[in-house]
Amino acid sequence: SNQRKENGIIKTDPKPESFSNPPPMPRHIQKSNAGKSVIRSRVEHVFADQKSQTGLFVGTVGITRASMRIGLANIVYNMRRFLFLERIRITA
């Protein structure tokens, strides 16, 4: 328990002892987390770029228009990424 009694007053520890030293994570879970982390880091960069373009606010009515707007944002991102990679290839 993370509560103790001092001079008749119940005090709560900020961090219980059970959380201070967790057991080591199994190897298969470590490998799974590493793979997910690689994918997550790649996807989050794309979403961050699209958020800066649209403000992550799709102010349309209807799923069809929202899908169209997100699809156009994906195309714009892919074109900008292609041009960036081409510039790197040309200068290298």
C-alpha atoms as a PDB file:
ATOM      1  CA  SER A   1       0.000   0.000   0.000  1.00  0.00           C
ATOM      2  CA  ASN A   2       1.188   3.524  -0.669  1.00  0.00           C
ATOM      3  CA  GLN A   3      -0.417   4.898   2.501  1.00  0.00           C
ATOM      4  CA  ARG A   4       1.198   5.082   5.923  1.00  0.00           C
ATOM      5  CA  LYS A   5       0.186   6.544   9.231  1.00  0.00           C
ATOM      6  CA  GLU A   6       2.387   9.090  11.003  1.00  0.00           C
ATOM      7  CA  ASN A   7       1.250  10.628  14.293  1.00  0.00           C
ATOM      8  CA  GLY A   8      -2.354   9.707  13.564  1.00  0.00           C
ATOM      9  CA  ILE A   9      -2.257  11.297  10.086  1.00  0.00           C
ATOM     10  CA  ILE A  10      -2.570   9.109   6.993  1.00  0.00           C
ATOM     11  CA  LYS A  11       0.059  10.073   4.434  1.00  0.00           C
ATOM     12  CA  THR A  12       0.217   8.871   0.846  1.00  0.00           C
ATOM     13  CA  ASP A  13       3.565   8.140  -0.793  1.00  0.00           C
ATOM     14  CA  PRO A  14       3.891   9.830  -4.181  1.00  0.00           C
ATOM     15  CA  LYS A  15       5.176   6.609  -5.781  1.00  0.00           C
ATOM     16  CA  PRO A  16       4.253   3.173  -4.444  1.00  0.00           C
ATOM     17  CA  GLU A  17       7.086   0.692  -3.944  1.00  0.00           C
ATOM     18  CA  SER A  18       5.517  -1.764  -6.383  1.00  0.00           C
ATOM     19  CA  PHE A  19       6.129   0.697  -9.250  1.00  0.00           C
ATOM     20  CA  SER A  20       9.650   1.737  -8.317  1.00  0.00           C
ATOM     21  CA  ASN A  21      11.388  -1.275  -9.857  1.00  0.00           C
ATOM     22  CA  PRO A  22       9.278  -3.102 -12.446  1.00  0.00           C
ATOM     23  CA  PRO A  23      10.376  -6.559 -13.582  1.00  0.00           C
ATOM     24  CA  PRO A  24      12.321  -6.792 -16.860  1.00  0.00           C
ATOM     25  CA  MET A  25      10.219  -7.001 -19.992  1.00  0.00           C
ATOM     26  CA  PRO A  26      10.252 -10.350 -21.844  1.00  0.00           C
ATOM     27  CA  ARG A  27      12.401 -10.466 -25.000  1.00  0.00           C
ATOM     28  CA  HIS A  28       9.503 -11.115 -27.395  1.00  0.00           C
ATOM     29  CA  ILE A  29       7.632  -8.069 -26.088  1.00  0.00           C
ATOM     30  CA  GLN A  30      10.762  -5.908 -26.454  1.00  0.00           C
ATOM     31  CA  LYS A  31      11.079  -6.962 -30.109  1.00  0.00           C
ATOM     32  CA  SER A  32       7.390  -6.310 -30.725  1.00  0.00           C
ATOM     33  CA  ASN A  33       7.601  -2.843 -29.165  1.00  0.00           C
ATOM     34  CA  ALA A  34      10.704  -1.994 -31.206  1.00  0.00           C
ATOM     35  CA  GLY A  35       8.908  -2.851 -34.459  1.00  0.00           C
ATOM     36  CA  LYS A  36       5.846  -0.834 -33.508  1.00  0.00           C
ATOM     37  CA  SER A  37       8.040   2.098 -32.528  1.00  0.00           C
ATOM     38  CA  VAL A  38       9.666   2.216 -35.977  1.00  0.00           C
ATOM     39  CA  ILE A  39       6.290   2.271 -37.714  1.00  0.00           C
ATOM     40  CA  ARG A  40       4.817   4.766 -35.255  1.00  0.00           C
ATOM     41  CA  SER A  41       7.714   7.208 -35.661  1.00  0.00           C
ATOM     42  CA  ARG A  42       7.371   7.130 -39.453  1.00  0.00           C
ATOM     43  CA  VAL A  43       3.600   7.647 -39.416  1.00  0.00           C
ATOM     44  CA  GLU A  44       3.709  10.435 -36.837  1.00  0.00           C
ATOM     45  CA  HIS A  45       5.971  12.529 -39.093  1.00  0.00           C
ATOM     46  CA  VAL A  46       3.393  12.308 -41.874  1.00  0.00           C
ATOM     47  CA  PHE A  47       0.555  13.312 -39.545  1.00  0.00           C
ATOM     48  CA  ALA A  48       2.587  16.181 -38.133  1.00  0.00           C
ATOM     49  CA  ASP A  49       3.203  17.503 -41.637  1.00  0.00           C
ATOM     50  CA  GLN A  50      -0.477  17.227 -42.520  1.00  0.00           C
ATOM     51  CA  LYS A  51      -1.452  18.896 -39.267  1.00  0.00           C
ATOM     52  CA  SER A  52       0.710  21.882 -40.152  1.00  0.00           C
ATOM     53  CA  GLN A  53      -1.059  22.080 -43.533  1.00  0.00           C
ATOM     54  CA  THR A  54      -4.687  21.626 -42.473  1.00  0.00           C
ATOM     55  CA  GLY A  55      -4.465  22.318 -38.763  1.00  0.00           C
ATOM     56  CA  LEU A  56      -5.757  18.765 -38.217  1.00  0.00           C
ATOM     57  CA  PHE A  57      -9.249  20.146 -38.644  1.00  0.00           C
ATOM     58  CA  VAL A  58     -11.346  18.791 -41.464  1.00  0.00           C
ATOM     59  CA  GLY A  59     -14.250  21.207 -41.441  1.00  0.00           C
ATOM     60  CA  THR A  60     -16.430  19.443 -43.962  1.00  0.00           C
ATOM     61  CA  VAL A  61     -19.878  17.919 -43.746  1.00  0.00           C
ATOM     62  CA  GLY A  62     -20.024  14.260 -44.696  1.00  0.00           C
ATOM     63  CA  ILE A  63     -17.587  11.401 -44.773  1.00  0.00           C
ATOM     64  CA  THR A  64     -17.150  11.621 -48.558  1.00  0.00           C
ATOM     65  CA  ARG A  65     -15.892  15.202 -48.488  1.00  0.00           C
ATOM     66  CA  ALA A  66     -13.713  14.512 -45.460  1.00  0.00           C
ATOM     67  CA  SER A  67     -12.188  11.477 -47.192  1.00  0.00           C
ATOM     68  CA  MET A  68     -11.558  13.584 -50.290  1.00  0.00           C
ATOM     69  CA  ARG A  69      -9.854  16.305 -48.284  1.00  0.00           C
ATOM     70  CA  ILE A  70      -7.654  13.825 -46.417  1.00  0.00           C
ATOM     71  CA  GLY A  71      -6.825  12.084 -49.709  1.00  0.00           C
ATOM     72  CA  LEU A  72      -5.787  15.396 -51.266  1.00  0.00           C
ATOM     73  CA  ALA A  73      -3.626  16.157 -48.228  1.00  0.00           C
ATOM     74  CA  ASN A  74      -1.957  12.754 -48.706  1.00  0.00           C
ATOM     75  CA  ILE A  75      -1.275  13.493 -52.373  1.00  0.00           C
ATOM     76  CA  VAL A  76       0.212  16.886 -51.511  1.00  0.00           C
ATOM     77  CA  TYR A  77       2.421  15.295 -48.867  1.00  0.00           C
ATOM     78  CA  ASN A  78       3.618  12.609 -51.287  1.00  0.00           C
ATOM     79  CA  MET A  79       4.421  15.192 -53.972  1.00  0.00           C
ATOM     80  CA  ARG A  80       6.342  17.387 -51.536  1.00  0.00           C
ATOM     81  CA  ARG A  81       8.235  14.348 -50.224  1.00  0.00           C
ATOM     82  CA  PHE A  82       9.084  13.231 -53.783  1.00  0.00           C
ATOM     83  CA  LEU A  83      10.415  16.667 -54.705  1.00  0.00           C
ATOM     84  CA  PHE A  84      12.474  16.779 -51.505  1.00  0.00           C
ATOM     85  CA  LEU A  85      14.003  13.370 -52.198  1.00  0.00           C
ATOM     86  CA  GLU A  86      14.712  14.317 -55.825  1.00  0.00           C
ATOM     87  CA  ARG A  87      16.567  17.454 -54.699  1.00  0.00           C
ATOM     88  CA  ILE A  88      18.668  15.361 -52.336  1.00  0.00           C
ATOM     89  CA  ARG A  89      19.418  12.834 -55.093  1.00  0.00           C
ATOM     90  CA  ILE A  90      20.448  15.541 -57.550  1.00  0.00           C
ATOM     91  CA  THR A  91      22.778  17.317 -55.124  1.00  0.00           C
ATOM     92  CA  ALA A  92      24.406  14.097 -53.884  1.00  0.00           C
END
